[in-house]
C-alpha atoms as a PDB file:
ATOM      1  CA  MET A   1     111.192  98.248  93.256  1.00  0.00           C
ATOM      2  CA  THR A   2     111.044  94.468  93.419  1.00  0.00           C
ATOM      3  CA  THR A   3     108.372  92.249  94.859  1.00  0.00           C
ATOM      4  CA  HIS A   4     108.941  91.371  98.508  1.00  0.00           C
ATOM      5  CA  THR A   5     106.979  88.133  98.270  1.00  0.00           C
ATOM      6  CA  CYS A   6     109.802  85.801  97.682  1.00  0.00           C
ATOM      7  CA  ASP A   7     112.265  86.163 100.597  1.00  0.00           C
ATOM      8  CA  ALA A   8     109.519  86.320 103.127  1.00  0.00           C
ATOM      9  CA  LEU A   9     107.157  83.662 101.955  1.00  0.00           C
ATOM     10  CA  ARG A  10     108.690  80.975  99.873  1.00  0.00           C
ATOM     11  CA  ALA A  11     111.015  80.047 102.623  1.00  0.00           C
ATOM     12  CA  CYS A  12     108.244  82.242  99.965  1.00  0.00           C
ATOM     13  CA  GLY A  13     108.419  82.419  99.527  1.00  0.00           C
ATOM     14  CA  SER A  14     111.128  84.027  98.848  1.00  0.00           C
ATOM     15  CA  PRO A  15     113.918  82.570  96.129  1.00  0.00           C
ATOM     16  CA  LEU A  16     113.096  85.761  94.510  1.00  0.00           C
ATOM     17  CA  PHE A  17     109.853  85.977  92.565  1.00  0.00           C
ATOM     18  CA  THR A  18     110.221  87.843  89.352  1.00  0.00           C
ATOM     19  CA  SER A  19     107.144  89.592  88.074  1.00  0.00           C
ATOM     20  CA  SER A  20     105.793  90.883  84.821  1.00  0.00           C
ATOM     21  CA  SER A  21     102.576  92.805  84.446  1.00  0.00           C
ATOM     22  CA  LYS A  22     100.180  93.899  81.781  1.00  0.00           C
ATOM     23  CA  PHE A  23      96.839  95.661  81.748  1.00  0.00           C
ATOM     24  CA  THR A  24      94.021  93.489  80.457  1.00  0.00           C
ATOM     25  CA  HIS A  25      91.443  96.041  81.562  1.00  0.00           C
ATOM     26  CA  PRO A  26      91.858  99.789  82.172  1.00  0.00           C
ATOM     27  CA  ARG A  27      91.303  99.184  85.885  1.00  0.00           C
ATOM     28  CA  SER A  28      92.595  95.670  86.427  1.00  0.00           C
ATOM     29  CA  ARG A  29      96.229  94.630  86.772  1.00  0.00           C
ATOM     30  CA  THR A  30      97.524  91.092  86.365  1.00  0.00           C
ATOM     31  CA  CYS A  31     100.909  89.891  87.584  1.00  0.00           C
ATOM     32  CA  ARG A  32     102.701  86.610  86.965  1.00  0.00           C
ATOM     33  CA  PHE A  33     105.228  85.383  89.509  1.00  0.00           C
ATOM     34  CA  SER A  34     107.818  82.643  89.092  1.00  0.00           C
ATOM     35  CA  VAL A  35     111.286  81.633  90.240  1.00  0.00           C
ATOM     36  CA  GLN A  36     114.121  82.597  87.942  1.00  0.00           C
ATOM     37  CA  ASN A  37     114.788  79.820  85.419  1.00  0.00           C
ATOM     38  CA  CYS A  38     118.101  78.125  86.180  1.00  0.00           C
ATOM     39  CA  VAL A  39     119.015  74.574  85.132  1.00  0.00           C
ATOM     40  CA  MET A  40     121.821  72.359  86.416  1.00  0.00           C
ATOM     41  CA  ASP A  41     122.732  68.687  86.291  1.00  0.00           C
ATOM     42  CA  PRO A  42     120.612  66.805  88.914  1.00  0.00           C
ATOM     43  CA  ASN A  43     123.655  65.213  90.575  1.00  0.00           C
ATOM     44  CA  THR A  44     125.371  68.588  90.946  1.00  0.00           C
ATOM     45  CA  SER A  45     122.146  70.120  92.242  1.00  0.00           C
ATOM     46  CA  ARG A  46     121.841  67.442  94.928  1.00  0.00           C
ATOM     47  CA  LYS A  47     125.445  68.035  96.027  1.00  0.00           C
ATOM     48  CA  LEU A  48     124.814  71.781  96.326  1.00  0.00           C
ATOM     49  CA  VAL A  49     121.600  71.211  98.289  1.00  0.00           C
ATOM     50  CA  LEU A  50     123.542  69.015 100.718  1.00  0.00           C
ATOM     51  CA  GLU A  51     126.265  71.647 100.986  1.00  0.00           C
ATOM     52  CA  VAL A  52     123.695  74.323 101.851  1.00  0.00           C
ATOM     53  CA  LYS A  53     122.081  72.030 104.437  1.00  0.00           C
ATOM     54  CA  GLU A  54     125.409  71.367 106.108  1.00  0.00           C
ATOM     55  CA  LYS A  55     126.345  75.035 106.089  1.00  0.00           C
ATOM     56  CA  LEU A  56     123.012  76.036 107.606  1.00  0.00           C
ATOM     57  CA  GLU A  57     123.300  73.353 110.284  1.00  0.00           C
ATOM     58  CA  LYS A  58     126.806  74.470 111.175  1.00  0.00           C
ATOM     59  CA  GLU A  59     126.276  78.232 111.081  1.00  0.00           C
ATOM     60  CA  HIS A  60     122.571  78.596 111.884  1.00  0.00           C
ATOM     61  CA  SER A  61     121.619  75.594 114.006  1.00  0.00           C
ATOM     62  CA  ASN A  62     119.008  77.726 115.817  1.00  0.00           C
ATOM     63  CA  LEU A  63     116.842  77.869 112.718  1.00  0.00           C
ATOM     64  CA  PRO A  64     113.870  75.457 112.631  1.00  0.00           C
ATOM     65  CA  VAL A  65     113.875  72.242 110.598  1.00  0.00           C
ATOM     66  CA  GLY A  66     111.104  70.521 108.646  1.00  0.00           C
ATOM     67  CA  LYS A  67     108.925  72.057 105.957  1.00  0.00           C
ATOM     68  CA  ASN A  68     110.166  75.559 105.131  1.00  0.00           C
ATOM     69  CA  GLY A  69     113.042  74.994 107.548  1.00  0.00           C
ATOM     70  CA  ARG A  70     116.815  74.846 107.119  1.00  0.00           C
ATOM     71  CA  ASP A  71     116.748  71.171 106.000  1.00  0.00           C
ATOM     72  CA  ASP A  72     113.880  71.476 103.496  1.00  0.00           C
ATOM     73  CA  GLY A  73     115.542  70.193 100.320  1.00  0.00           C
ATOM     74  CA  ASP A  74     112.892  71.494  97.930  1.00  0.00           C
ATOM     75  CA  MET A  75     113.076  74.968  99.387  1.00  0.00           C
ATOM     76  CA  ILE A  76     116.874  74.957  99.357  1.00  0.00           C
ATOM     77  CA  LEU A  77     116.900  73.989  95.678  1.00  0.00           C
ATOM     78  CA  TRP A  78     114.408  76.790  94.956  1.00  0.00           C
ATOM     79  CA  PHE A  79     116.739  79.349  96.538  1.00  0.00           C
ATOM     80  CA  LEU A  80     119.787  77.890  94.801  1.00  0.00           C
ATOM     81  CA  LYS A  81     118.079  78.335  91.432  1.00  0.00           C
ATOM     82  CA  ASP A  82     117.235  81.928  92.282  1.00  0.00           C
ATOM     83  CA  ARG A  83     120.806  82.652  93.390  1.00  0.00           C
ATOM     84  CA  ARG A  84     122.245  81.033  90.232  1.00  0.00           C
ATOM     85  CA  PHE A  85     123.474  78.103  92.351  1.00  0.00           C
ATOM     86  CA  SER A  86     125.701  80.232  94.570  1.00  0.00           C
ATOM     87  CA  VAL A  87     125.854  78.428  97.919  1.00  0.00           C
ATOM     88  CA  GLU A  88     126.872  81.538  99.871  1.00  0.00           C
ATOM     89  CA  GLU A  89     124.104  83.690  98.387  1.00  0.00           C
ATOM     90  CA  ALA A  90     121.497  80.958  98.838  1.00  0.00           C
ATOM     91  CA  VAL A  91     122.451  80.493 102.491  1.00  0.00           C
ATOM     92  CA  ASN A  92     122.242  84.240 103.071  1.00  0.00           C
ATOM     93  CA  LYS A  93     118.770  84.583 101.588  1.00  0.00           C
ATOM     94  CA  LEU A  94     117.499  81.372 103.192  1.00  0.00           C
ATOM     95  CA  THR A  95     118.645  82.553 106.610  1.00  0.00           C
ATOM     96  CA  LYS A  96     116.809  85.855 106.219  1.00  0.00           C
ATOM     97  CA  ALA A  97     113.685  84.182 104.860  1.00  0.00           C
ATOM     98  CA  ILE A  98     113.430  81.462 107.509  1.00  0.00           C
ATOM     99  CA  THR A  99     114.125  83.976 110.279  1.00  0.00           C
ATOM    100  CA  TRP A 100     111.401  86.281 108.955  1.00  0.00           C
ATOM    101  CA  ARG A 101     108.888  83.418 108.782  1.00  0.00           C
ATOM    102  CA  GLN A 102     109.725  82.464 112.356  1.00  0.00           C
ATOM    103  CA  GLU A 103     109.406  86.019 113.682  1.00  0.00           C
ATOM    104  CA  PHE A 104     106.172  86.708 111.791  1.00  0.00           C
ATOM    105  CA  GLY A 105     104.628  83.410 112.891  1.00  0.00           C
ATOM    106  CA  VAL A 106     103.777  82.192 109.396  1.00  0.00           C
ATOM    107  CA  SER A 107     103.266  78.592 110.541  1.00  0.00           C
ATOM    108  CA  ASP A 108     100.670  79.764 113.077  1.00  0.00           C
ATOM    109  CA  LEU A 109      98.409  81.387 110.482  1.00  0.00           C
ATOM    110  CA  SER A 110      95.139  79.639 109.661  1.00  0.00           C
ATOM    111  CA  GLU A 111      91.706  80.266 108.137  1.00  0.00           C
ATOM    112  CA  ASP A 112      90.366  81.015 111.618  1.00  0.00           C
ATOM    113  CA  ALA A 113      93.234  83.404 112.393  1.00  0.00           C
ATOM    114  CA  VAL A 114      92.410  85.618 109.393  1.00  0.00           C
ATOM    115  CA  LYS A 115      88.660  84.965 109.211  1.00  0.00           C
ATOM    116  CA  LYS A 116      87.523  88.416 110.333  1.00  0.00           C
ATOM    117  CA  ILE A 117      89.704  90.433 107.942  1.00  0.00           C
ATOM    118  CA  ALA A 118      89.078  87.934 105.133  1.00  0.00           C
ATOM    119  CA  GLU A 119      85.353  88.634 105.423  1.00  0.00           C
ATOM    120  CA  SER A 120      86.066  92.108 104.021  1.00  0.00           C
ATOM    121  CA  GLY A 121      86.477  90.429 100.637  1.00  0.00           C
ATOM    122  CA  LYS A 122      89.615  92.467  99.884  1.00  0.00           C
ATOM    123  CA  ALA A 123      91.556  89.417  98.731  1.00  0.00           C
ATOM    124  CA  TYR A 124      90.996  85.729  98.133  1.00  0.00           C
ATOM    125  CA  VAL A 125      92.318  82.665  96.356  1.00  0.00           C
ATOM    126  CA  HIS A 126      90.189  81.756  93.347  1.00  0.00           C
ATOM    127  CA  ASP A 127      88.612  78.288  93.303  1.00  0.00           C
ATOM    128  CA  PHE A 128      89.919  77.466  89.831  1.00  0.00           C
ATOM    129  CA  LEU A 129      93.258  77.520  88.020  1.00  0.00           C
ATOM    130  CA  ASP A 130      93.670  79.814  85.022  1.00  0.00           C
ATOM    131  CA  VAL A 131      94.014  78.488  81.455  1.00  0.00           C
ATOM    132  CA  ASN A 132      97.750  78.001  82.029  1.00  0.00           C
ATOM    133  CA  ASP A 133      97.156  75.868  85.144  1.00  0.00           C
ATOM    134  CA  ARG A 134      98.256  78.616  87.540  1.00  0.00           C
ATOM    135  CA  PRO A 135      96.619  79.165  90.940  1.00  0.00           C
ATOM    136  CA  VAL A 136      95.008  82.608  91.126  1.00  0.00           C
ATOM    137  CA  LEU A 137      95.148  85.248  93.875  1.00  0.00           C
ATOM    138  CA  ILE A 138      92.673  88.114  93.482  1.00  0.00           C
ATOM    139  CA  VAL A 139      92.985  91.460  95.283  1.00  0.00           C
ATOM    140  CA  VAL A 140      90.055  93.919  95.315  1.00  0.00           C
ATOM    141  CA  ALA A 141      91.788  97.237  95.976  1.00  0.00           C
ATOM    142  CA  SER A 142      88.577  99.197  96.623  1.00  0.00           C
ATOM    143  CA  LYS A 143      87.888  97.028  99.694  1.00  0.00           C
ATOM    144  CA  HIS A 144      91.199  97.879 101.349  1.00  0.00           C
ATOM    145  CA  LEU A 145      90.307 100.476 103.995  1.00  0.00           C
ATOM    146  CA  PRO A 146      93.323 101.578 106.078  1.00  0.00           C
ATOM    147  CA  ALA A 147      91.176 103.729 108.352  1.00  0.00           C
ATOM    148  CA  VAL A 148      89.049 100.727 109.277  1.00  0.00           C
ATOM    149  CA  HIS A 149      91.257  97.642 109.068  1.00  0.00           C
ATOM    150  CA  ASP A 150      94.184  96.882 111.382  1.00  0.00           C
ATOM    151  CA  ARG A 151      97.518  96.896 109.547  1.00  0.00           C
ATOM    152  CA  LEU A 152      98.862  93.749 111.232  1.00  0.00           C
ATOM    153  CA  GLU A 153      95.681  91.868 110.345  1.00  0.00           C
ATOM    154  CA  ASN A 154      96.112  93.013 106.742  1.00  0.00           C
ATOM    155  CA  GLU A 155      99.668  91.671 106.735  1.00  0.00           C
ATOM    156  CA  LYS A 156      98.571  88.341 108.199  1.00  0.00           C
ATOM    157  CA  LEU A 157      95.900  87.976 105.537  1.00  0.00           C
ATOM    158  CA  CYS A 158      98.408  88.815 102.828  1.00  0.00           C
ATOM    159  CA  VAL A 159     100.906  86.225 104.041  1.00  0.00           C
ATOM    160  CA  PHE A 160      98.252  83.569 104.607  1.00  0.00           C
ATOM    161  CA  LEU A 161      96.779  83.956 101.126  1.00  0.00           C
ATOM    162  CA  ILE A 162     100.150  83.834  99.404  1.00  0.00           C
ATOM    163  CA  GLU A 163     100.981  80.676 101.338  1.00  0.00           C
ATOM    164  CA  LYS A 164      97.603  79.259 100.355  1.00  0.00           C
ATOM    165  CA  VAL A 165      97.934  80.048  96.653  1.00  0.00           C
ATOM    166  CA  LEU A 166     101.466  78.608  96.571  1.00  0.00           C
ATOM    167  CA  SER A 167     100.166  75.392  98.154  1.00  0.00           C
ATOM    168  CA  LYS A 168      97.839  74.987  95.171  1.00  0.00           C
ATOM    169  CA  LEU A 169     100.650  74.905  92.601  1.00  0.00           C
ATOM    170  CA  PRO A 170     100.251  71.783  90.436  1.00  0.00           C
ATOM    171  CA  ALA A 171     103.223  69.420  90.281  1.00  0.00           C
ATOM    172  CA  GLY A 172     105.944  70.824  88.056  1.00  0.00           C
ATOM    173  CA  LYS A 173     104.479  74.348  88.008  1.00  0.00           C
ATOM    174  CA  GLU A 174     106.278  77.405  89.414  1.00  0.00           C
ATOM    175  CA  GLN A 175     103.934  80.288  88.585  1.00  0.00           C
ATOM    176  CA  ILE A 176     100.927  81.868  90.224  1.00  0.00           C
ATOM    177  CA  LEU A 177      98.695  84.555  88.731  1.00  0.00           C
ATOM    178  CA  GLY A 178      97.902  87.655  90.777  1.00  0.00           C
ATOM    179  CA  ILE A 179      95.025  89.909  89.681  1.00  0.00           C
ATOM    180  CA  ILE A 180      94.718  93.345  91.286  1.00  0.00           C
ATOM    181  CA  ASP A 181      91.270  94.768  90.603  1.00  0.00           C
ATOM    182  CA  LEU A 182      91.565  98.573  90.610  1.00  0.00           C
ATOM    183  CA  ARG A 183      87.933  99.308  89.766  1.00  0.00           C
ATOM    184  CA  GLY A 184      86.532 101.729  92.326  1.00  0.00           C
ATOM    185  CA  PHE A 185      89.964 102.404  93.853  1.00  0.00           C
ATOM    186  CA  GLY A 186      90.227 105.831  95.517  1.00  0.00           C
ATOM    187  CA  THR A 187      92.385 107.829  97.913  1.00  0.00           C
ATOM    188  CA  GLU A 188      90.656 106.189 100.895  1.00  0.00           C
ATOM    189  CA  ASN A 189      92.098 102.839  99.754  1.00  0.00           C
ATOM    190  CA  ALA A 190      95.716 104.005  99.398  1.00  0.00           C
ATOM    191  CA  GLU A 191      98.224 103.091 102.115  1.00  0.00           C
ATOM    192  CA  LEU A 192     101.944 103.641 101.606  1.00  0.00           C
ATOM    193  CA  SER A 193     102.930 101.890 104.836  1.00  0.00           C
ATOM    194  CA  PHE A 194     101.244  98.665 103.734  1.00  0.00           C
ATOM    195  CA  LEU A 195     102.873  98.995 100.324  1.00  0.00           C
ATOM    196  CA  THR A 196     106.283  98.840 101.987  1.00  0.00           C
ATOM    197  CA  PHE A 197     105.264  95.486 103.487  1.00  0.00           C
ATOM    198  CA  LEU A 198     104.471  94.142 100.027  1.00  0.00           C
ATOM    199  CA  VAL A 199     107.245  95.794  98.059  1.00  0.00           C
ATOM    200  CA  LYS A 200     110.982  95.873  98.647  1.00  0.00           C
ATOM    201  CA  PHE A 201     112.620  99.252  98.003  1.00  0.00           C
ATOM    202  CA  CYS A 202     116.314  98.893  97.382  1.00  0.00           C
ATOM    203  CA  SER A 203     119.424 100.710  96.242  1.00  0.00           C
ATOM    204  CA  VAL A 204     120.920 100.750  92.766  1.00  0.00           C
ATOM    205  CA  GLU A 205     123.789  98.644  94.093  1.00  0.00           C
ATOM    206  CA  THR A 206     121.344  96.000  95.362  1.00  0.00           C
ATOM    207  CA  VAL A 207     119.621  95.900  91.988  1.00  0.00           C
ATOM    208  CA  ARG A 208     122.983  95.292  90.322  1.00  0.00           C
ATOM    209  CA  LYS A 209     124.223  92.605  92.689  1.00  0.00           C
ATOM    210  CA  GLU A 210     121.068  90.680  93.562  1.00  0.00           C
ATOM    211  CA  TYR A 211     119.041  90.644  90.370  1.00  0.00           C
ATOM    212  CA  PHE A 212     121.409  90.795  87.403  1.00  0.00           C
ATOM    213  CA  THR A 213     124.763  89.677  86.088  1.00  0.00           C
ATOM    214  CA  GLU A 214     127.243  92.164  84.611  1.00  0.00           C
ATOM    215  CA  GLU A 215     125.936  91.303  81.162  1.00  0.00           C
ATOM    216  CA  THR A 216     122.229  91.706  81.938  1.00  0.00           C
ATOM    217  CA  ILE A 217     122.120  94.887  84.066  1.00  0.00           C
ATOM    218  CA  PRO A 218     119.698  97.461  82.558  1.00  0.00           C
ATOM    219  CA  VAL A 219     121.518 100.380  80.952  1.00  0.00           C
ATOM    220  CA  ASN A 220     120.199 102.958  83.421  1.00  0.00           C
ATOM    221  CA  PHE A 221     121.599 100.920  86.336  1.00  0.00           C
ATOM    222  CA  ARG A 222     125.121 100.684  84.983  1.00  0.00           C
ATOM    223  CA  ASP A 223     127.983 102.860  86.252  1.00  0.00           C
END
């Protein structure tokens, strides 16, 4: 499984976010998300960003422009880093991400649009950064009630909060901290269908091609 956040939202939103997790409390899970660390000469990077822009304009002129659109230089560079500066792969993921944002209506989400479901207290963006200057998203799993809350409203809240926490990234920072509070979590809070919205399930072949090089593939994913 890999986190779905990146393709959908950093567009995540998503170059791909990589995540690592550790338990700091028996019932509390923390996750750190960041773009994969790739470095290239600034002049070369600018040329590749321009190449992606031109390719998107030529092949996907129907996609929106502006912030999080096909001509957003910062977003394009983010995806290029994630795709190890492969223009073709960056264009492919950008196209999927921007299309998803457009279809989901990410730009139309607002505090008022998610106010009712947000009042459940199931998730929120913390008012302060953590000690490493990362914005913090907190999820209270025991307040997620599938039998009571509408699934689409849950998804809208999820997307809105991730957009909000990403907007709070300090200059030069690329990580957010997600804390999933599992205290009080029970069967009435579990929802597999919503999990598939948050998490991307993929094949072994996808794991090999999208997330690793030949040298870095985990042993149990090799031929």
